[in-house]
Amino acid sequence: MSRIFRTVLTTALAVGALASAPSYADGEGPFMVRLRAVYLDFAEKSDAIPALSVPADAITVNKKWIPDIDLEYFFTPAWSSELVLTYPQSQTVTVKGVGDIGTFKHLPPTLTVKYNFIPDGTVRPYLGVGVNLTLISDVNIAVPGVGPLKLNSSSVGVAGQAGADFKLADHWFLNADVKYVQLGSDVKSNGTTVSKVHLDPWLLGVGVGYRF
């Protein structure tokens, strides 16, 4: 009987421990919101277009600063998930030796799962991995003598991140963050793929966060 009682008690304590709410540092809650300024640095990688005498890596997209907002939920003090959002961004496409050939817009929400190494520290480094979905719209690209070019309407790729939160005061943090995102698209003319661009941007961000 005593063995059965100990087994039941141990099981009940284990279930209770799993069901109880996580304990966060200094009364901090499980939610965090950040505002960041992010430098969007696209790779310059594209296939050649022999028919147009365009060499490899000649198609480029402008680099720029963009704002983002991210929402993070901490499942435990160490494990969390982060959703990164911004509004549709307008980009200019350039072909080396030709010049600007048009613009497009992209909306790149990213969802990651993060491990926070020192969840109660003044400096809180983390690593994350997840997925990026980029929606491409308002494509207005054309090459003189060739006509309009089209891009895929979306791109799905792996995203990785590393960064740290620096505690400034109760609930307030300074954040530095680096992300790498797989992003690519076919370039089509009259329905035929003439090239493939691999934009694969680095996103270098700095901002402030509020934990509640």
N, C-alpha and C. Protein backbone atom coordinates (compact mmCIF):
# COMPACT_ATOMS: atom_id res chain seq x y z
N MET A 1 0.83 -1.20 0.00
CA MET A 1 0.00 0.00 0.00
C MET A 1 0.86 1.25 0.00
N SER A 2 1.90 1.25 0.83
CA SER A 2 2.76 2.42 0.90
C SER A 2 3.44 2.68 -0.44
N ARG A 3 3.79 1.60 -1.15
CA ARG A 3 4.42 1.79 -2.46
C ARG A 3 3.44 2.43 -3.44
N ILE A 4 2.20 1.96 -3.43
CA ILE A 4 1.18 2.54 -4.31
C ILE A 4 0.96 4.01 -3.96
N PHE A 5 0.93 4.31 -2.66
CA PHE A 5 0.72 5.70 -2.23
C PHE A 5 1.86 6.59 -2.70
N ARG A 6 3.09 6.11 -2.57
CA ARG A 6 4.24 6.90 -3.00
C ARG A 6 4.21 7.13 -4.51
N THR A 7 3.80 6.09 -5.26
CA THR A 7 3.71 6.23 -6.71
C THR A 7 2.67 7.26 -7.10
N VAL A 8 1.49 7.19 -6.47
CA VAL A 8 0.43 8.16 -6.76
C VAL A 8 0.86 9.57 -6.39
N LEU A 9 1.52 9.71 -5.24
CA LEU A 9 1.95 11.02 -4.78
C LEU A 9 3.02 11.60 -5.73
N THR A 10 3.96 10.75 -6.11
CA THR A 10 5.01 11.21 -7.03
C THR A 10 4.42 11.64 -8.37
N THR A 11 3.48 10.87 -8.88
CA THR A 11 2.83 11.20 -10.15
C THR A 11 2.06 12.51 -10.04
N ALA A 12 1.35 12.69 -8.93
CA ALA A 12 0.57 13.91 -8.73
C ALA A 12 1.49 15.13 -8.66
N LEU A 13 2.61 14.99 -7.97
CA LEU A 13 3.55 16.11 -7.87
C LEU A 13 4.15 16.46 -9.23
N ALA A 14 4.45 15.41 -10.02
CA ALA A 14 5.03 15.65 -11.34
C ALA A 14 4.03 16.35 -12.25
N VAL A 15 2.78 15.90 -12.23
CA VAL A 15 1.75 16.54 -13.05
C VAL A 15 1.53 17.97 -12.60
N GLY A 16 1.54 18.17 -11.28
CA GLY A 16 1.35 19.52 -10.76
C GLY A 16 2.48 20.44 -11.18
N ALA A 17 3.69 19.91 -11.18
CA ALA A 17 4.84 20.73 -11.58
C ALA A 17 4.76 21.11 -13.05
N LEU A 18 4.30 20.17 -13.88
CA LEU A 18 4.18 20.46 -15.30
C LEU A 18 3.04 21.43 -15.58
N ALA A 19 1.99 21.36 -14.79
CA ALA A 19 0.82 22.20 -15.03
C ALA A 19 0.97 23.59 -14.44
N SER A 20 1.88 23.76 -13.50
CA SER A 20 2.03 25.06 -12.86
C SER A 20 2.63 26.07 -13.82
N ALA A 21 2.35 27.33 -13.60
CA ALA A 21 2.86 28.40 -14.46
C ALA A 21 4.36 28.55 -14.25
N PRO A 22 5.11 28.83 -15.31
CA PRO A 22 6.55 29.05 -15.16
C PRO A 22 6.83 30.24 -14.25
N SER A 23 7.97 30.20 -13.58
CA SER A 23 8.37 31.30 -12.70
C SER A 23 9.37 32.18 -13.45
N TYR A 24 9.01 33.46 -13.67
CA TYR A 24 9.86 34.37 -14.41
C TYR A 24 10.61 35.28 -13.45
N ALA A 25 11.74 35.80 -13.93
CA ALA A 25 12.59 36.64 -13.09
C ALA A 25 11.89 37.95 -12.73
N ASP A 26 12.02 38.36 -11.46
CA ASP A 26 11.57 39.68 -11.00
C ASP A 26 10.13 39.98 -11.35
N GLY A 27 9.29 38.97 -11.32
CA GLY A 27 7.88 39.18 -11.60
C GLY A 27 7.57 39.48 -13.05
N GLU A 28 8.50 39.22 -13.96
CA GLU A 28 8.27 39.48 -15.37
C GLU A 28 7.23 38.51 -15.92
N GLY A 29 6.40 38.99 -16.83
CA GLY A 29 5.40 38.14 -17.43
C GLY A 29 5.92 37.39 -18.64
N PRO A 30 5.06 36.62 -19.31
CA PRO A 30 5.49 35.79 -20.44
C PRO A 30 5.49 36.49 -21.78
N PHE A 31 5.10 37.77 -21.82
CA PHE A 31 5.01 38.47 -23.11
C PHE A 31 6.10 39.54 -23.23
N MET A 32 6.55 39.74 -24.48
CA MET A 32 7.50 40.81 -24.75
C MET A 32 7.19 41.38 -26.12
N VAL A 33 7.26 42.70 -26.24
CA VAL A 33 7.08 43.37 -27.52
C VAL A 33 8.29 44.25 -27.77
N ARG A 34 8.78 44.27 -29.01
CA ARG A 34 9.95 45.06 -29.36
C ARG A 34 9.67 45.91 -30.60
N LEU A 35 10.28 47.05 -30.64
CA LEU A 35 10.33 47.89 -31.84
C LEU A 35 11.79 48.00 -32.24
N ARG A 36 12.07 47.74 -33.53
CA ARG A 36 13.47 47.73 -33.98
C ARG A 36 13.61 48.50 -35.29
N ALA A 37 14.79 49.06 -35.48
CA ALA A 37 15.23 49.54 -36.78
C ALA A 37 16.14 48.45 -37.35
N VAL A 38 15.85 48.00 -38.57
CA VAL A 38 16.53 46.85 -39.14
C VAL A 38 17.14 47.23 -40.49
N TYR A 39 18.42 46.90 -40.65
CA TYR A 39 19.08 47.12 -41.94
C TYR A 39 18.95 45.84 -42.76
N LEU A 40 18.31 45.96 -43.92
CA LEU A 40 18.02 44.84 -44.79
C LEU A 40 19.12 44.76 -45.86
N ASP A 41 19.94 43.73 -45.77
CA ASP A 41 21.12 43.59 -46.63
C ASP A 41 20.95 42.35 -47.50
N PHE A 42 20.51 42.57 -48.75
CA PHE A 42 20.26 41.46 -49.67
C PHE A 42 21.55 40.93 -50.26
N ALA A 43 21.56 39.61 -50.51
CA ALA A 43 22.66 38.99 -51.26
C ALA A 43 22.53 39.39 -52.73
N GLU A 44 23.63 39.38 -53.43
CA GLU A 44 23.63 39.70 -54.85
C GLU A 44 23.96 38.43 -55.63
N LYS A 45 22.95 37.53 -55.66
CA LYS A 45 23.14 36.24 -56.31
C LYS A 45 21.99 36.00 -57.29
N SER A 46 22.30 35.80 -58.55
CA SER A 46 21.28 35.51 -59.55
C SER A 46 21.89 34.70 -60.67
N ASP A 47 21.05 33.92 -61.34
CA ASP A 47 21.52 33.15 -62.50
C ASP A 47 21.72 34.07 -63.70
N ALA A 48 22.62 33.69 -64.57
CA ALA A 48 22.83 34.45 -65.81
C ALA A 48 21.63 34.30 -66.74
N ILE A 49 21.46 35.31 -67.63
CA ILE A 49 20.43 35.25 -68.67
C ILE A 49 21.16 35.37 -70.01
N PRO A 50 21.64 34.27 -70.55
CA PRO A 50 22.46 34.33 -71.78
C PRO A 50 21.75 35.02 -72.93
N ALA A 51 20.44 34.82 -73.07
CA ALA A 51 19.70 35.40 -74.20
C ALA A 51 19.71 36.92 -74.16
N LEU A 52 19.88 37.48 -72.95
CA LEU A 52 19.90 38.93 -72.81
C LEU A 52 21.30 39.45 -72.51
N SER A 53 22.29 38.56 -72.58
CA SER A 53 23.69 38.92 -72.28
C SER A 53 23.84 39.48 -70.87
N VAL A 54 23.04 38.93 -69.94
CA VAL A 54 23.12 39.34 -68.53
C VAL A 54 23.95 38.30 -67.79
N PRO A 55 25.07 38.67 -67.19
CA PRO A 55 25.91 37.69 -66.49
C PRO A 55 25.32 37.27 -65.16
N ALA A 56 25.89 36.25 -64.56
CA ALA A 56 25.47 35.80 -63.23
C ALA A 56 25.70 36.91 -62.21
N ASP A 57 24.84 36.95 -61.22
CA ASP A 57 24.94 37.89 -60.09
C ASP A 57 24.82 39.35 -60.53
N ALA A 58 24.15 39.60 -61.64
CA ALA A 58 24.00 40.97 -62.14
C ALA A 58 22.70 41.62 -61.66
N ILE A 59 21.75 40.81 -61.18
CA ILE A 59 20.48 41.35 -60.71
C ILE A 59 20.58 41.62 -59.22
N THR A 60 20.35 42.85 -58.82
CA THR A 60 20.48 43.23 -57.41
C THR A 60 19.22 43.95 -56.94
N VAL A 61 19.02 43.92 -55.62
CA VAL A 61 17.91 44.62 -54.97
C VAL A 61 18.49 45.55 -53.92
N ASN A 62 17.94 46.76 -53.84
CA ASN A 62 18.53 47.77 -52.96
C ASN A 62 18.50 47.37 -51.49
N LYS A 63 19.51 47.80 -50.77
CA LYS A 63 19.60 47.61 -49.32
C LYS A 63 18.97 48.85 -48.66
N LYS A 64 18.35 48.66 -47.49
CA LYS A 64 17.65 49.78 -46.87
C LYS A 64 17.38 49.49 -45.40
N TRP A 65 17.06 50.57 -44.66
CA TRP A 65 16.58 50.44 -43.28
C TRP A 65 15.06 50.31 -43.30
N ILE A 66 14.54 49.40 -42.48
CA ILE A 66 13.09 49.23 -42.35
C ILE A 66 12.74 49.12 -40.86
N PRO A 67 11.50 49.44 -40.48
CA PRO A 67 11.06 49.22 -39.10
C PRO A 67 10.48 47.81 -38.95
N ASP A 68 10.56 47.25 -37.78
CA ASP A 68 9.79 46.03 -37.51
C ASP A 68 9.29 46.03 -36.08
N ILE A 69 8.26 45.25 -35.87
CA ILE A 69 7.71 45.02 -34.53
C ILE A 69 7.68 43.52 -34.33
N ASP A 70 8.10 43.06 -33.15
CA ASP A 70 8.01 41.63 -32.90
C ASP A 70 7.31 41.36 -31.59
N LEU A 71 6.58 40.26 -31.58
CA LEU A 71 5.82 39.81 -30.42
C LEU A 71 6.38 38.47 -29.98
N GLU A 72 6.74 38.37 -28.71
CA GLU A 72 7.37 37.16 -28.20
C GLU A 72 6.59 36.61 -27.01
N TYR A 73 6.44 35.28 -26.99
CA TYR A 73 5.79 34.61 -25.86
C TYR A 73 6.76 33.58 -25.28
N PHE A 74 6.97 33.64 -23.97
CA PHE A 74 7.87 32.72 -23.27
C PHE A 74 7.06 31.55 -22.71
N PHE A 75 7.26 30.37 -23.28
CA PHE A 75 6.60 29.16 -22.78
C PHE A 75 7.18 28.77 -21.43
N THR A 76 8.49 28.94 -21.30
CA THR A 76 9.22 28.74 -20.06
C THR A 76 10.21 29.90 -19.97
N PRO A 77 10.91 30.06 -18.85
CA PRO A 77 11.92 31.14 -18.81
C PRO A 77 12.95 31.05 -19.93
N ALA A 78 13.27 29.84 -20.40
CA ALA A 78 14.32 29.68 -21.40
C ALA A 78 13.80 29.56 -22.83
N TRP A 79 12.60 29.03 -23.01
CA TRP A 79 12.07 28.77 -24.35
C TRP A 79 10.97 29.75 -24.71
N SER A 80 11.03 30.28 -25.93
CA SER A 80 10.04 31.25 -26.37
C SER A 80 9.84 31.15 -27.87
N SER A 81 8.81 31.85 -28.34
CA SER A 81 8.55 31.94 -29.77
C SER A 81 8.34 33.40 -30.13
N GLU A 82 8.91 33.82 -31.28
CA GLU A 82 8.88 35.22 -31.68
C GLU A 82 8.29 35.36 -33.08
N LEU A 83 7.33 36.28 -33.22
CA LEU A 83 6.74 36.61 -34.50
C LEU A 83 7.19 38.02 -34.89
N VAL A 84 7.85 38.13 -36.05
CA VAL A 84 8.40 39.41 -36.50
C VAL A 84 7.55 39.93 -37.66
N LEU A 85 7.12 41.19 -37.56
CA LEU A 85 6.22 41.78 -38.55
C LEU A 85 6.73 43.15 -39.00
N THR A 86 6.34 43.54 -40.20
CA THR A 86 6.54 44.90 -40.69
C THR A 86 5.44 45.15 -41.71
N TYR A 87 5.44 46.31 -42.36
CA TYR A 87 4.47 46.57 -43.42
C TYR A 87 5.14 46.30 -44.77
N PRO A 88 4.36 46.17 -45.86
CA PRO A 88 4.97 45.86 -47.17
C PRO A 88 6.05 46.88 -47.55
N GLN A 89 7.20 46.35 -47.93
CA GLN A 89 8.35 47.18 -48.25
C GLN A 89 8.56 47.26 -49.76
N SER A 90 8.78 48.47 -50.27
CA SER A 90 9.04 48.66 -51.68
C SER A 90 10.54 48.55 -51.96
N GLN A 91 10.91 47.79 -52.97
CA GLN A 91 12.31 47.56 -53.32
C GLN A 91 12.55 47.88 -54.78
N THR A 92 13.75 48.35 -55.08
CA THR A 92 14.15 48.66 -56.45
C THR A 92 15.09 47.58 -56.97
N VAL A 93 14.81 47.12 -58.19
CA VAL A 93 15.62 46.08 -58.83
C VAL A 93 16.54 46.74 -59.86
N THR A 94 17.80 46.35 -59.82
CA THR A 94 18.80 46.91 -60.73
C THR A 94 19.54 45.78 -61.44
N VAL A 95 19.83 46.00 -62.71
CA VAL A 95 20.69 45.08 -63.46
C VAL A 95 21.98 45.81 -63.77
N LYS A 96 23.09 45.24 -63.34
CA LYS A 96 24.39 45.87 -63.57
C LYS A 96 24.63 46.06 -65.06
N GLY A 97 25.02 47.27 -65.42
CA GLY A 97 25.24 47.60 -66.81
C GLY A 97 24.01 48.10 -67.53
N VAL A 98 22.84 47.92 -66.89
CA VAL A 98 21.58 48.38 -67.50
C VAL A 98 20.96 49.50 -66.68
N GLY A 99 20.96 49.36 -65.35
CA GLY A 99 20.36 50.34 -64.47
C GLY A 99 19.10 49.81 -63.81
N ASP A 100 18.32 50.70 -63.21
CA ASP A 100 17.09 50.30 -62.55
C ASP A 100 16.08 49.80 -63.57
N ILE A 101 15.45 48.67 -63.24
CA ILE A 101 14.47 48.10 -64.18
C ILE A 101 13.07 48.02 -63.56
N GLY A 102 12.90 48.53 -62.33
CA GLY A 102 11.56 48.53 -61.75
C GLY A 102 11.56 48.26 -60.27
N THR A 103 10.37 48.03 -59.75
CA THR A 103 10.17 47.85 -58.30
C THR A 103 9.21 46.70 -58.02
N PHE A 104 9.23 46.26 -56.77
CA PHE A 104 8.23 45.31 -56.27
C PHE A 104 8.08 45.56 -54.77
N LYS A 105 7.03 44.99 -54.18
CA LYS A 105 6.84 45.07 -52.74
C LYS A 105 6.90 43.66 -52.14
N HIS A 106 7.40 43.60 -50.92
CA HIS A 106 7.43 42.30 -50.23
C HIS A 106 7.03 42.49 -48.77
N LEU A 107 6.31 41.50 -48.27
CA LEU A 107 5.88 41.46 -46.87
C LEU A 107 6.45 40.19 -46.26
N PRO A 108 7.41 40.30 -45.30
CA PRO A 108 8.16 39.12 -44.87
C PRO A 108 7.95 38.69 -43.41
N PRO A 109 6.74 38.28 -42.99
CA PRO A 109 6.59 37.81 -41.60
C PRO A 109 7.48 36.60 -41.32
N THR A 110 8.05 36.57 -40.13
CA THR A 110 8.97 35.49 -39.74
C THR A 110 8.59 34.98 -38.36
N LEU A 111 8.56 33.67 -38.20
CA LEU A 111 8.25 33.04 -36.91
C LEU A 111 9.42 32.15 -36.50
N THR A 112 9.94 32.37 -35.29
CA THR A 112 11.07 31.58 -34.81
C THR A 112 10.79 31.00 -33.43
N VAL A 113 11.50 29.94 -33.11
CA VAL A 113 11.54 29.38 -31.76
C VAL A 113 12.92 29.68 -31.21
N LYS A 114 12.98 30.22 -29.99
CA LYS A 114 14.24 30.72 -29.44
C LYS A 114 14.60 30.02 -28.13
N TYR A 115 15.91 29.88 -27.92
CA TYR A 115 16.43 29.43 -26.63
C TYR A 115 17.19 30.59 -26.00
N ASN A 116 16.77 30.97 -24.80
CA ASN A 116 17.36 32.08 -24.06
C ASN A 116 18.32 31.51 -23.01
N PHE A 117 19.61 31.80 -23.17
CA PHE A 117 20.63 31.13 -22.37
C PHE A 117 20.66 31.59 -20.92
N ILE A 118 20.42 32.87 -20.66
CA ILE A 118 20.46 33.40 -19.29
C ILE A 118 19.16 34.18 -19.07
N PRO A 119 18.03 33.49 -18.85
CA PRO A 119 16.73 34.16 -18.86
C PRO A 119 16.51 35.17 -17.75
N ASP A 120 17.34 35.13 -16.70
CA ASP A 120 17.16 36.09 -15.60
C ASP A 120 18.35 37.04 -15.47
N GLY A 121 19.21 37.10 -16.48
CA GLY A 121 20.41 37.94 -16.40
C GLY A 121 20.16 39.37 -16.85
N THR A 122 21.14 40.20 -16.58
CA THR A 122 21.10 41.57 -17.10
C THR A 122 21.33 41.56 -18.60
N VAL A 123 22.21 40.67 -19.05
CA VAL A 123 22.42 40.43 -20.48
C VAL A 123 21.86 39.04 -20.79
N ARG A 124 20.96 38.95 -21.79
CA ARG A 124 20.24 37.71 -22.05
C ARG A 124 20.41 37.29 -23.52
N PRO A 125 21.47 36.55 -23.82
CA PRO A 125 21.70 36.11 -25.20
C PRO A 125 20.74 34.99 -25.60
N TYR A 126 20.49 34.90 -26.90
CA TYR A 126 19.58 33.87 -27.40
C TYR A 126 19.96 33.45 -28.82
N LEU A 127 19.49 32.25 -29.18
CA LEU A 127 19.56 31.75 -30.55
C LEU A 127 18.17 31.30 -30.96
N GLY A 128 17.86 31.45 -32.24
CA GLY A 128 16.54 31.04 -32.71
C GLY A 128 16.59 30.47 -34.10
N VAL A 129 15.59 29.66 -34.43
CA VAL A 129 15.45 29.11 -35.77
C VAL A 129 13.97 29.04 -36.09
N GLY A 130 13.63 29.25 -37.37
CA GLY A 130 12.22 29.23 -37.71
C GLY A 130 12.01 29.29 -39.20
N VAL A 131 10.90 29.92 -39.60
CA VAL A 131 10.51 29.95 -41.00
C VAL A 131 10.09 31.37 -41.38
N ASN A 132 10.41 31.73 -42.61
CA ASN A 132 10.00 33.02 -43.17
C ASN A 132 9.06 32.79 -44.34
N LEU A 133 7.97 33.55 -44.38
CA LEU A 133 7.06 33.56 -45.51
C LEU A 133 7.08 34.97 -46.08
N THR A 134 7.58 35.13 -47.30
CA THR A 134 7.61 36.43 -47.95
C THR A 134 6.56 36.48 -49.04
N LEU A 135 5.66 37.45 -48.95
CA LEU A 135 4.62 37.66 -49.96
C LEU A 135 5.08 38.79 -50.89
N ILE A 136 5.10 38.53 -52.18
CA ILE A 136 5.58 39.49 -53.17
C ILE A 136 4.40 40.03 -53.98
N SER A 137 4.34 41.35 -54.10
CA SER A 137 3.21 41.97 -54.80
C SER A 137 3.67 43.22 -55.53
N ASP A 138 2.73 43.83 -56.27
CA ASP A 138 2.98 45.09 -56.99
C ASP A 138 4.28 45.05 -57.80
N VAL A 139 4.45 43.96 -58.55
CA VAL A 139 5.67 43.82 -59.36
C VAL A 139 5.54 44.70 -60.60
N ASN A 140 6.47 45.60 -60.75
CA ASN A 140 6.49 46.52 -61.90
C ASN A 140 7.92 46.58 -62.43
N ILE A 141 8.31 45.50 -63.11
CA ILE A 141 9.68 45.33 -63.60
C ILE A 141 9.65 45.07 -65.10
N ALA A 142 10.51 45.75 -65.82
CA ALA A 142 10.58 45.55 -67.26
C ALA A 142 11.99 45.86 -67.75
N VAL A 143 12.41 45.12 -68.78
CA VAL A 143 13.71 45.34 -69.41
C VAL A 143 13.47 45.92 -70.80
N PRO A 144 14.11 47.05 -71.15
CA PRO A 144 13.92 47.64 -72.47
C PRO A 144 14.20 46.62 -73.58
N GLY A 145 13.26 46.53 -74.52
CA GLY A 145 13.43 45.61 -75.62
C GLY A 145 12.97 44.20 -75.33
N VAL A 146 12.68 43.89 -74.06
CA VAL A 146 12.24 42.54 -73.67
C VAL A 146 10.79 42.56 -73.20
N GLY A 147 10.45 43.57 -72.40
CA GLY A 147 9.10 43.66 -71.88
C GLY A 147 9.05 43.39 -70.39
N PRO A 148 7.83 43.25 -69.83
CA PRO A 148 7.67 43.07 -68.39
C PRO A 148 8.19 41.72 -67.90
N LEU A 149 8.71 41.74 -66.68
CA LEU A 149 9.17 40.52 -66.01
C LEU A 149 8.31 40.29 -64.77
N LYS A 150 8.10 39.03 -64.44
CA LYS A 150 7.29 38.67 -63.28
C LYS A 150 8.14 37.93 -62.25
N LEU A 151 7.71 38.01 -60.98
CA LEU A 151 8.33 37.27 -59.88
C LEU A 151 7.30 36.33 -59.27
N ASN A 152 7.77 35.34 -58.53
CA ASN A 152 6.85 34.48 -57.78
C ASN A 152 6.06 35.32 -56.78
N SER A 153 4.85 34.89 -56.46
CA SER A 153 4.01 35.64 -55.52
C SER A 153 4.41 35.41 -54.07
N SER A 154 5.21 34.36 -53.80
CA SER A 154 5.62 34.09 -52.41
C SER A 154 6.91 33.28 -52.39
N SER A 155 7.54 33.30 -51.23
CA SER A 155 8.75 32.53 -50.99
C SER A 155 8.74 32.04 -49.56
N VAL A 156 9.05 30.77 -49.34
CA VAL A 156 9.14 30.19 -48.00
C VAL A 156 10.56 29.68 -47.79
N GLY A 157 11.15 30.05 -46.66
CA GLY A 157 12.52 29.63 -46.40
C GLY A 157 12.84 29.58 -44.92
N VAL A 158 13.97 28.98 -44.61
CA VAL A 158 14.43 28.86 -43.23
C VAL A 158 14.95 30.21 -42.75
N ALA A 159 14.73 30.50 -41.48
CA ALA A 159 15.26 31.71 -40.86
C ALA A 159 16.05 31.33 -39.61
N GLY A 160 17.18 32.00 -39.41
CA GLY A 160 17.98 31.80 -38.20
C GLY A 160 18.27 33.15 -37.56
N GLN A 161 18.45 33.17 -36.24
CA GLN A 161 18.71 34.43 -35.57
C GLN A 161 19.62 34.24 -34.36
N ALA A 162 20.30 35.32 -34.01
CA ALA A 162 21.10 35.38 -32.80
C ALA A 162 21.03 36.81 -32.29
N GLY A 163 21.05 36.95 -30.98
CA GLY A 163 20.96 38.31 -30.43
C GLY A 163 21.00 38.29 -28.92
N ALA A 164 20.68 39.44 -28.35
CA ALA A 164 20.69 39.57 -26.89
C ALA A 164 19.79 40.73 -26.49
N ASP A 165 19.16 40.56 -25.32
CA ASP A 165 18.43 41.63 -24.66
C ASP A 165 19.27 42.13 -23.49
N PHE A 166 19.36 43.45 -23.36
CA PHE A 166 20.13 44.08 -22.29
C PHE A 166 19.14 44.82 -21.38
N LYS A 167 19.02 44.38 -20.14
CA LYS A 167 18.03 44.97 -19.25
C LYS A 167 18.44 46.38 -18.85
N LEU A 168 17.54 47.34 -19.08
CA LEU A 168 17.78 48.74 -18.74
C LEU A 168 17.13 49.12 -17.43
N ALA A 169 15.91 48.62 -17.19
CA ALA A 169 15.13 48.91 -15.99
C ALA A 169 14.03 47.87 -15.92
N ASP A 170 13.21 47.92 -14.87
CA ASP A 170 12.11 46.97 -14.77
C ASP A 170 11.29 46.99 -16.05
N HIS A 171 11.17 45.84 -16.67
CA HIS A 171 10.36 45.62 -17.88
C HIS A 171 10.99 46.14 -19.17
N TRP A 172 12.02 46.99 -19.12
CA TRP A 172 12.55 47.63 -20.32
C TRP A 172 13.91 47.04 -20.71
N PHE A 173 14.10 46.82 -22.03
CA PHE A 173 15.32 46.19 -22.53
C PHE A 173 15.79 46.88 -23.80
N LEU A 174 17.11 46.88 -23.99
CA LEU A 174 17.72 47.22 -25.26
C LEU A 174 17.98 45.91 -25.99
N ASN A 175 17.71 45.86 -27.29
CA ASN A 175 17.86 44.62 -28.04
C ASN A 175 18.78 44.81 -29.24
N ALA A 176 19.63 43.82 -29.47
CA ALA A 176 20.44 43.74 -30.69
C ALA A 176 20.21 42.36 -31.29
N ASP A 177 19.95 42.30 -32.60
CA ASP A 177 19.50 41.05 -33.20
C ASP A 177 20.02 40.94 -34.63
N VAL A 178 20.42 39.73 -35.02
CA VAL A 178 20.85 39.44 -36.39
C VAL A 178 20.05 38.24 -36.88
N LYS A 179 19.47 38.38 -38.07
CA LYS A 179 18.74 37.27 -38.68
C LYS A 179 19.28 37.01 -40.08
N TYR A 180 19.17 35.74 -40.49
CA TYR A 180 19.47 35.34 -41.87
C TYR A 180 18.25 34.62 -42.39
N VAL A 181 17.78 35.00 -43.58
CA VAL A 181 16.54 34.46 -44.12
C VAL A 181 16.78 33.95 -45.53
N GLN A 182 16.29 32.75 -45.82
CA GLN A 182 16.33 32.24 -47.19
C GLN A 182 15.16 32.84 -47.97
N LEU A 183 15.47 33.53 -49.06
CA LEU A 183 14.45 34.19 -49.86
C LEU A 183 14.89 34.17 -51.32
N GLY A 184 14.04 33.64 -52.18
CA GLY A 184 14.38 33.58 -53.59
C GLY A 184 13.14 33.63 -54.46
N SER A 185 13.35 33.86 -55.75
CA SER A 185 12.23 33.92 -56.68
C SER A 185 12.71 33.63 -58.09
N ASP A 186 11.82 33.01 -58.89
CA ASP A 186 12.07 32.91 -60.32
C ASP A 186 11.78 34.26 -60.96
N VAL A 187 12.51 34.57 -62.01
CA VAL A 187 12.24 35.74 -62.85
C VAL A 187 11.69 35.22 -64.17
N LYS A 188 10.47 35.66 -64.52
CA LYS A 188 9.78 35.10 -65.68
C LYS A 188 9.48 36.16 -66.72
N SER A 189 9.59 35.76 -67.98
CA SER A 189 9.22 36.60 -69.12
C SER A 189 8.27 35.80 -69.99
N ASN A 190 7.06 36.32 -70.18
CA ASN A 190 6.03 35.62 -70.96
C ASN A 190 5.80 34.19 -70.46
N GLY A 191 5.84 34.05 -69.13
CA GLY A 191 5.55 32.75 -68.52
C GLY A 191 6.73 31.80 -68.47
N THR A 192 7.86 32.18 -69.03
CA THR A 192 9.05 31.32 -69.05
C THR A 192 10.08 31.85 -68.06
N THR A 193 10.62 30.96 -67.25
CA THR A 193 11.65 31.36 -66.28
C THR A 193 12.95 31.66 -67.01
N VAL A 194 13.44 32.90 -66.85
CA VAL A 194 14.68 33.30 -67.52
C VAL A 194 15.84 33.42 -66.55
N SER A 195 15.54 33.49 -65.24
CA SER A 195 16.59 33.57 -64.24
C SER A 195 15.99 33.23 -62.88
N LYS A 196 16.85 33.05 -61.93
CA LYS A 196 16.44 32.82 -60.54
C LYS A 196 17.32 33.71 -59.67
N VAL A 197 16.68 34.47 -58.78
CA VAL A 197 17.44 35.33 -57.87
C VAL A 197 17.39 34.73 -56.46
N HIS A 198 18.52 34.81 -55.77
CA HIS A 198 18.64 34.34 -54.40
C HIS A 198 18.95 35.56 -53.54
N LEU A 199 17.92 36.12 -52.92
CA LEU A 199 18.10 37.37 -52.18
C LEU A 199 18.68 37.14 -50.79
N ASP A 200 18.26 36.07 -50.12
CA ASP A 200 18.83 35.60 -48.85
C ASP A 200 19.38 36.73 -47.97
N PRO A 201 18.52 37.60 -47.45
CA PRO A 201 19.03 38.78 -46.75
C PRO A 201 19.54 38.50 -45.34
N TRP A 202 20.48 39.33 -44.92
CA TRP A 202 20.82 39.50 -43.51
C TRP A 202 20.02 40.69 -42.99
N LEU A 203 19.47 40.54 -41.79
CA LEU A 203 18.72 41.62 -41.16
C LEU A 203 19.41 41.97 -39.84
N LEU A 204 19.97 43.17 -39.78
CA LEU A 204 20.74 43.62 -38.63
C LEU A 204 19.89 44.64 -37.89
N GLY A 205 19.45 44.30 -36.67
CA GLY A 205 18.49 45.13 -35.98
C GLY A 205 18.94 45.62 -34.61
N VAL A 206 18.42 46.78 -34.22
CA VAL A 206 18.62 47.31 -32.88
C VAL A 206 17.33 48.00 -32.48
N GLY A 207 16.94 47.85 -31.20
CA GLY A 207 15.69 48.46 -30.77
C GLY A 207 15.47 48.33 -29.28
N VAL A 208 14.23 48.57 -28.87
CA VAL A 208 13.87 48.50 -27.45
C VAL A 208 12.74 47.50 -27.28
N GLY A 209 12.68 46.89 -26.09
CA GLY A 209 11.65 45.92 -25.79
C GLY A 209 11.02 46.17 -24.45
N TYR A 210 9.76 45.72 -24.31
CA TYR A 210 9.03 45.84 -23.04
C TYR A 210 8.47 44.47 -22.69
N ARG A 211 8.79 44.00 -21.49
CA ARG A 211 8.38 42.67 -21.00
C ARG A 211 7.23 42.82 -20.02
N PHE A 212 6.18 42.04 -20.20
CA PHE A 212 5.03 42.14 -19.29
C PHE A 212 4.32 40.81 -19.15
